[in-house]
Amino acid sequence: MLLIHAGFDLQQVTELARREGVAVRGLDLEEGKRGGRVVLVARLPARYRPERLLDELTRLRGVREVEWER
C-alpha cells in the first residue's frame, strides 16, 4: 500500500512495474482532498527482492509512505 499526496499520477506505478518486470494483478486508488492511498497487488519476477520494489516505489513523486504485506 502506498500513502500518497493529492494529485498523485498513478501511471508512475504502472511504468515502474513495467520497467522492473513486475506483473500488476490489481491496482486500486482511493483519493481524498489531502491525498489517499494506492493498493497494489503484484507478482514479482523470480529472484526479485521485494525490498527493491519498495525502494523504487518510495522514490516516486507524491509517495509519502510505502507498506508491504506478503
PDB file of N, CA and C in Angstrom:
ATOM      1  N   MET A   1       0.845  -1.165   0.000  1.00  0.00           N
ATOM      2  CA  MET A   1       0.000   0.000   0.000  1.00  0.00           C
ATOM      3  C   MET A   1       0.894   1.233   0.000  1.00  0.00           C
ATOM      4  N   LEU A   2       0.482   2.211  -0.791  1.00  0.00           N
ATOM      5  CA  LEU A   2       1.186   3.477  -0.860  1.00  0.00           C
ATOM      6  C   LEU A   2       0.294   4.561  -0.289  1.00  0.00           C
ATOM      7  N   LEU A   3       0.825   5.380   0.594  1.00  0.00           N
ATOM      8  CA  LEU A   3       0.129   6.581   1.021  1.00  0.00           C
ATOM      9  C   LEU A   3       0.641   7.691   0.133  1.00  0.00           C
ATOM     10  N   ILE A   4      -0.276   8.449  -0.460  1.00  0.00           N
ATOM     11  CA  ILE A   4       0.104   9.405  -1.490  1.00  0.00           C
ATOM     12  C   ILE A   4      -0.417  10.808  -1.183  1.00  0.00           C
ATOM     13  N   HIS A   5       0.226  11.792  -1.812  1.00  0.00           N
ATOM     14  CA  HIS A   5      -0.238  13.177  -1.768  1.00  0.00           C
ATOM     15  C   HIS A   5      -1.320  13.364  -2.822  1.00  0.00           C
ATOM     16  N   ALA A   6      -2.135  14.397  -2.668  1.00  0.00           N
ATOM     17  CA  ALA A   6      -3.170  14.725  -3.653  1.00  0.00           C
ATOM     18  C   ALA A   6      -2.520  14.958  -5.014  1.00  0.00           C
ATOM     19  N   GLY A   7      -3.184  14.539  -6.061  1.00  0.00           N
ATOM     20  CA  GLY A   7      -2.683  14.742  -7.405  1.00  0.00           C
ATOM     21  C   GLY A   7      -1.671  13.710  -7.870  1.00  0.00           C
ATOM     22  N   PHE A   8      -1.509  12.642  -7.117  1.00  0.00           N
ATOM     23  CA  PHE A   8      -0.551  11.593  -7.480  1.00  0.00           C
ATOM     24  C   PHE A   8      -0.901  11.007  -8.850  1.00  0.00           C
ATOM     25  N   ASP A   9       0.115  10.822  -9.687  1.00  0.00           N
ATOM     26  CA  ASP A   9      -0.068  10.254 -11.027  1.00  0.00           C
ATOM     27  C   ASP A   9       0.119   8.738 -10.947  1.00  0.00           C
ATOM     28  N   LEU A  10      -0.975   8.006 -11.027  1.00  0.00           N
ATOM     29  CA  LEU A  10      -0.961   6.550 -10.894  1.00  0.00           C
ATOM     30  C   LEU A  10      -0.144   5.883 -11.990  1.00  0.00           C
ATOM     31  N   GLN A  11      -0.007   6.529 -13.111  1.00  0.00           N
ATOM     32  CA  GLN A  11       0.761   5.966 -14.221  1.00  0.00           C
ATOM     33  C   GLN A  11       2.221   5.723 -13.824  1.00  0.00           C
ATOM     34  N   GLN A  12       2.721   6.460 -12.850  1.00  0.00           N
ATOM     35  CA  GLN A  12       4.089   6.239 -12.366  1.00  0.00           C
ATOM     36  C   GLN A  12       4.271   4.799 -11.875  1.00  0.00           C
ATOM     37  N   VAL A  13       3.240   4.272 -11.218  1.00  0.00           N
ATOM     38  CA  VAL A  13       3.310   2.912 -10.675  1.00  0.00           C
ATOM     39  C   VAL A  13       3.345   1.893 -11.805  1.00  0.00           C
ATOM     40  N   THR A  14       2.483   2.065 -12.792  1.00  0.00           N
ATOM     41  CA  THR A  14       2.457   1.094 -13.892  1.00  0.00           C
ATOM     42  C   THR A  14       3.738   1.152 -14.723  1.00  0.00           C
ATOM     43  N   GLU A  15       4.287   2.345 -14.915  1.00  0.00           N
ATOM     44  CA  GLU A  15       5.548   2.464 -15.649  1.00  0.00           C
ATOM     45  C   GLU A  15       6.697   1.816 -14.886  1.00  0.00           C
ATOM     46  N   LEU A  16       6.736   2.026 -13.575  1.00  0.00           N
ATOM     47  CA  LEU A  16       7.763   1.407 -12.741  1.00  0.00           C
ATOM     48  C   LEU A  16       7.644  -0.116 -12.806  1.00  0.00           C
ATOM     49  N   ALA A  17       6.430  -0.633 -12.687  1.00  0.00           N
ATOM     50  CA  ALA A  17       6.223  -2.084 -12.733  1.00  0.00           C
ATOM     51  C   ALA A  17       6.713  -2.650 -14.064  1.00  0.00           C
ATOM     52  N   ARG A  18       6.402  -1.971 -15.151  1.00  0.00           N
ATOM     53  CA  ARG A  18       6.836  -2.435 -16.477  1.00  0.00           C
ATOM     54  C   ARG A  18       8.369  -2.450 -16.569  1.00  0.00           C
ATOM     55  N   ARG A  19       9.022  -1.395 -16.106  1.00  0.00           N
ATOM     56  CA  ARG A  19      10.496  -1.332 -16.130  1.00  0.00           C
ATOM     57  C   ARG A  19      11.133  -2.447 -15.306  1.00  0.00           C
ATOM     58  N   GLU A  20      10.497  -2.765 -14.184  1.00  0.00           N
ATOM     59  CA  GLU A  20      11.053  -3.758 -13.262  1.00  0.00           C
ATOM     60  C   GLU A  20      10.628  -5.188 -13.597  1.00  0.00           C
ATOM     61  N   GLY A  21       9.744  -5.368 -14.555  1.00  0.00           N
ATOM     62  CA  GLY A  21       9.272  -6.701 -14.915  1.00  0.00           C
ATOM     63  C   GLY A  21       8.287  -7.274 -13.907  1.00  0.00           C
ATOM     64  N   VAL A  22       7.629  -6.406 -13.153  1.00  0.00           N
ATOM     65  CA  VAL A  22       6.664  -6.804 -12.132  1.00  0.00           C
ATOM     66  C   VAL A  22       5.278  -6.883 -12.776  1.00  0.00           C
ATOM     67  N   ALA A  23       4.568  -7.993 -12.558  1.00  0.00           N
ATOM     68  CA  ALA A  23       3.222  -8.171 -13.105  1.00  0.00           C
ATOM     69  C   ALA A  23       2.205  -7.583 -12.131  1.00  0.00           C
ATOM     70  N   VAL A  24       1.469  -6.579 -12.573  1.00  0.00           N
ATOM     71  CA  VAL A  24       0.443  -5.949 -11.743  1.00  0.00           C
ATOM     72  C   VAL A  24      -0.834  -6.779 -11.842  1.00  0.00           C
ATOM     73  N   ARG A  25      -1.285  -7.288 -10.709  1.00  0.00           N
ATOM     74  CA  ARG A  25      -2.500  -8.110 -10.649  1.00  0.00           C
ATOM     75  C   ARG A  25      -3.710  -7.290 -10.220  1.00  0.00           C
ATOM     76  N   GLY A  26      -3.449  -6.185  -9.528  1.00  0.00           N
ATOM     77  CA  GLY A  26      -4.526  -5.308  -9.074  1.00  0.00           C
ATOM     78  C   GLY A  26      -3.956  -3.966  -8.676  1.00  0.00           C
ATOM     79  N   LEU A  27      -4.733  -2.914  -8.926  1.00  0.00           N
ATOM     80  CA  LEU A  27      -4.294  -1.564  -8.612  1.00  0.00           C
ATOM     81  C   LEU A  27      -5.543  -0.769  -8.263  1.00  0.00           C
ATOM     82  N   ASP A  28      -5.629  -0.317  -7.023  1.00  0.00           N
ATOM     83  CA  ASP A  28      -6.812   0.386  -6.549  1.00  0.00           C
ATOM     84  C   ASP A  28      -6.399   1.728  -5.965  1.00  0.00           C
ATOM     85  N   LEU A  29      -7.017   2.798  -6.422  1.00  0.00           N
ATOM     86  CA  LEU A  29      -6.717   4.149  -5.965  1.00  0.00           C
ATOM     87  C   LEU A  29      -7.904   4.695  -5.186  1.00  0.00           C
ATOM     88  N   GLU A  30      -7.627   5.178  -3.973  1.00  0.00           N
ATOM     89  CA  GLU A  30      -8.632   5.855  -3.157  1.00  0.00           C
ATOM     90  C   GLU A  30      -8.083   7.245  -2.859  1.00  0.00           C
ATOM     91  N   GLU A  31      -8.758   8.277  -3.379  1.00  0.00           N
ATOM     92  CA  GLU A  31      -8.281   9.641  -3.205  1.00  0.00           C
ATOM     93  C   GLU A  31      -9.215  10.466  -2.335  1.00  0.00           C
ATOM     94  N   GLY A  32      -8.605  11.394  -1.618  1.00  0.00           N
ATOM     95  CA  GLY A  32      -9.344  12.376  -0.836  1.00  0.00           C
ATOM     96  C   GLY A  32      -8.767  13.751  -1.130  1.00  0.00           C
ATOM     97  N   LYS A  33      -9.207  14.751  -0.400  1.00  0.00           N
ATOM     98  CA  LYS A  33      -8.732  16.121  -0.625  1.00  0.00           C
ATOM     99  C   LYS A  33      -7.250  16.286  -0.316  1.00  0.00           C
ATOM    100  N   ARG A  34      -6.764  15.593   0.692  1.00  0.00           N
ATOM    101  CA  ARG A  34      -5.368  15.742   1.123  1.00  0.00           C
ATOM    102  C   ARG A  34      -4.433  14.671   0.583  1.00  0.00           C
ATOM    103  N   GLY A  35      -4.975  13.725  -0.106  1.00  0.00           N
ATOM    104  CA  GLY A  35      -4.158  12.617  -0.593  1.00  0.00           C
ATOM    105  C   GLY A  35      -4.987  11.361  -0.629  1.00  0.00           C
ATOM    106  N   GLY A  36      -4.345  10.252  -0.426  1.00  0.00           N
ATOM    107  CA  GLY A  36      -5.074   8.997  -0.441  1.00  0.00           C
ATOM    108  C   GLY A  36      -4.143   7.822  -0.329  1.00  0.00           C
ATOM    109  N   ARG A  37      -4.579   6.720  -0.937  1.00  0.00           N
ATOM    110  CA  ARG A  37      -3.762   5.510  -0.892  1.00  0.00           C
ATOM    111  C   ARG A  37      -3.954   4.719  -2.171  1.00  0.00           C
ATOM    112  N   VAL A  38      -2.946   3.953  -2.470  1.00  0.00           N
ATOM    113  CA  VAL A  38      -2.962   3.054  -3.611  1.00  0.00           C
ATOM    114  C   VAL A  38      -2.673   1.662  -3.079  1.00  0.00           C
ATOM    115  N   VAL A  39      -3.526   0.710  -3.413  1.00  0.00           N
ATOM    116  CA  VAL A  39      -3.277  -0.686  -3.059  1.00  0.00           C
ATOM    117  C   VAL A  39      -2.824  -1.378  -4.339  1.00  0.00           C
ATOM    118  N   LEU A  40      -1.628  -1.935  -4.279  1.00  0.00           N
ATOM    119  CA  LEU A  40      -1.016  -2.600  -5.418  1.00  0.00           C
ATOM    120  C   LEU A  40      -0.870  -4.079  -5.102  1.00  0.00           C
ATOM    121  N   VAL A  41      -1.399  -4.922  -5.978  1.00  0.00           N
ATOM    122  CA  VAL A  41      -1.217  -6.372  -5.870  1.00  0.00           C
ATOM    123  C   VAL A  41      -0.344  -6.755  -7.054  1.00  0.00           C
ATOM    124  N   ALA A  42       0.808  -7.354  -6.761  1.00  0.00           N
ATOM    125  CA  ALA A  42       1.773  -7.615  -7.823  1.00  0.00           C
ATOM    126  C   ALA A  42       2.442  -8.967  -7.644  1.00  0.00           C
ATOM    127  N   ARG A  43       2.873  -9.507  -8.772  1.00  0.00           N
ATOM    128  CA  ARG A  43       3.673 -10.733  -8.765  1.00  0.00           C
ATOM    129  C   ARG A  43       5.076 -10.342  -9.199  1.00  0.00           C
ATOM    130  N   LEU A  44       6.034 -10.685  -8.349  1.00  0.00           N
ATOM    131  CA  LEU A  44       7.420 -10.317  -8.618  1.00  0.00           C
ATOM    132  C   LEU A  44       8.115 -11.395  -9.448  1.00  0.00           C
ATOM    133  N   PRO A  45       9.061 -10.997 -10.286  1.00  0.00           N
ATOM    134  CA  PRO A  45       9.830 -11.981 -11.044  1.00  0.00           C
ATOM    135  C   PRO A  45      10.635 -12.888 -10.112  1.00  0.00           C
ATOM    136  N   ALA A  46      11.012 -14.029 -10.603  1.00  0.00           N
ATOM    137  CA  ALA A  46      11.839 -14.961  -9.817  1.00  0.00           C
ATOM    138  C   ALA A  46      13.118 -14.253  -9.366  1.00  0.00           C
ATOM    139  N   ARG A  47      13.507 -14.488  -8.144  1.00  0.00           N
ATOM    140  CA  ARG A  47      14.725 -13.942  -7.528  1.00  0.00           C
ATOM    141  C   ARG A  47      14.738 -12.413  -7.432  1.00  0.00           C
ATOM    142  N   TYR A  48      13.590 -11.798  -7.554  1.00  0.00           N
ATOM    143  CA  TYR A  48      13.475 -10.346  -7.416  1.00  0.00           C
ATOM    144  C   TYR A  48      13.263 -10.040  -5.940  1.00  0.00           C
ATOM    145  N   ARG A  49      14.078  -9.188  -5.388  1.00  0.00           N
ATOM    146  CA  ARG A  49      13.964  -8.835  -3.970  1.00  0.00           C
ATOM    147  C   ARG A  49      12.831  -7.825  -3.758  1.00  0.00           C
ATOM    148  N   PRO A  50      11.869  -8.126  -2.893  1.00  0.00           N
ATOM    149  CA  PRO A  50      10.771  -7.187  -2.638  1.00  0.00           C
ATOM    150  C   PRO A  50      11.267  -5.818  -2.184  1.00  0.00           C
ATOM    151  N   GLU A  51      12.378  -5.787  -1.472  1.00  0.00           N
ATOM    152  CA  GLU A  51      12.931  -4.528  -0.988  1.00  0.00           C
ATOM    153  C   GLU A  51      13.276  -3.590  -2.138  1.00  0.00           C
ATOM    154  N   ARG A  52      13.665  -4.160  -3.260  1.00  0.00           N
ATOM    155  CA  ARG A  52      13.993  -3.343  -4.431  1.00  0.00           C
ATOM    156  C   ARG A  52      12.753  -2.579  -4.907  1.00  0.00           C
ATOM    157  N   LEU A  53      11.619  -3.277  -5.003  1.00  0.00           N
ATOM    158  CA  LEU A  53      10.384  -2.626  -5.429  1.00  0.00           C
ATOM    159  C   LEU A  53       9.958  -1.566  -4.410  1.00  0.00           C
ATOM    160  N   LEU A  54      10.073  -1.883  -3.129  1.00  0.00           N
ATOM    161  CA  LEU A  54       9.711  -0.913  -2.093  1.00  0.00           C
ATOM    162  C   LEU A  54      10.556   0.349  -2.212  1.00  0.00           C
ATOM    163  N   ASP A  55      11.847   0.190  -2.425  1.00  0.00           N
ATOM    164  CA  ASP A  55      12.736   1.347  -2.591  1.00  0.00           C
ATOM    165  C   ASP A  55      12.331   2.186  -3.788  1.00  0.00           C
ATOM    166  N   GLU A  56      12.030   1.533  -4.897  1.00  0.00           N
ATOM    167  CA  GLU A  56      11.649   2.253  -6.117  1.00  0.00           C
ATOM    168  C   GLU A  56      10.305   2.972  -5.948  1.00  0.00           C
ATOM    169  N   LEU A  57       9.355   2.323  -5.296  1.00  0.00           N
ATOM    170  CA  LEU A  57       8.061   2.956  -5.061  1.00  0.00           C
ATOM    171  C   LEU A  57       8.205   4.179  -4.158  1.00  0.00           C
ATOM    172  N   THR A  58       9.075   4.086  -3.170  1.00  0.00           N
ATOM    173  CA  THR A  58       9.304   5.197  -2.245  1.00  0.00           C
ATOM    174  C   THR A  58       9.849   6.417  -2.975  1.00  0.00           C
ATOM    175  N   ARG A  59      10.584   6.202  -4.046  1.00  0.00           N
ATOM    176  CA  ARG A  59      11.194   7.300  -4.796  1.00  0.00           C
ATOM    177  C   ARG A  59      10.229   8.015  -5.749  1.00  0.00           C
ATOM    178  N   LEU A  60       9.047   7.464  -5.968  1.00  0.00           N
ATOM    179  CA  LEU A  60       8.101   8.099  -6.882  1.00  0.00           C
ATOM    180  C   LEU A  60       7.613   9.428  -6.312  1.00  0.00           C
ATOM    181  N   ARG A  61       7.450  10.392  -7.191  1.00  0.00           N
ATOM    182  CA  ARG A  61       6.973  11.719  -6.785  1.00  0.00           C
ATOM    183  C   ARG A  61       5.539  11.614  -6.275  1.00  0.00           C
ATOM    184  N   GLY A  62       5.322  12.116  -5.064  1.00  0.00           N
ATOM    185  CA  GLY A  62       3.980  12.119  -4.483  1.00  0.00           C
ATOM    186  C   GLY A  62       3.714  10.985  -3.515  1.00  0.00           C
ATOM    187  N   VAL A  63       4.690  10.089  -3.327  1.00  0.00           N
ATOM    188  CA  VAL A  63       4.522   8.986  -2.379  1.00  0.00           C
ATOM    189  C   VAL A  63       5.025   9.425  -1.006  1.00  0.00           C
ATOM    190  N   ARG A  64       4.171   9.286   0.009  1.00  0.00           N
ATOM    191  CA  ARG A  64       4.551   9.653   1.379  1.00  0.00           C
ATOM    192  C   ARG A  64       5.109   8.467   2.151  1.00  0.00           C
ATOM    193  N   GLU A  65       4.524   7.296   1.900  1.00  0.00           N
ATOM    194  CA  GLU A  65       4.886   6.109   2.685  1.00  0.00           C
ATOM    195  C   GLU A  65       4.528   4.868   1.893  1.00  0.00           C
ATOM    196  N   VAL A  66       5.308   3.808   2.096  1.00  0.00           N
ATOM    197  CA  VAL A  66       5.044   2.519   1.441  1.00  0.00           C
ATOM    198  C   VAL A  66       4.983   1.442   2.519  1.00  0.00           C
ATOM    199  N   GLU A  67       3.948   0.628   2.470  1.00  0.00           N
ATOM    200  CA  GLU A  67       3.808  -0.514   3.367  1.00  0.00           C
ATOM    201  C   GLU A  67       3.722  -1.771   2.515  1.00  0.00           C
ATOM    202  N   TRP A  68       4.309  -2.849   3.021  1.00  0.00           N
ATOM    203  CA  TRP A  68       4.328  -4.100   2.273  1.00  0.00           C
ATOM    204  C   TRP A  68       3.711  -5.199   3.122  1.00  0.00           C
ATOM    205  N   GLU A  69       2.880  -5.993   2.490  1.00  0.00           N
ATOM    206  CA  GLU A  69       2.266  -7.148   3.150  1.00  0.00           C
ATOM    207  C   GLU A  69       2.404  -8.336   2.228  1.00  0.00           C
ATOM    208  N   ARG A  70       2.873  -9.421   2.762  1.00  0.00           N
ATOM    209  CA  ARG A  70       3.061 -10.621   1.961  1.00  0.00           C
ATOM    210  C   ARG A  70       1.859 -11.498   1.986  1.00  0.00           C
TER     211      ARG A  70
END
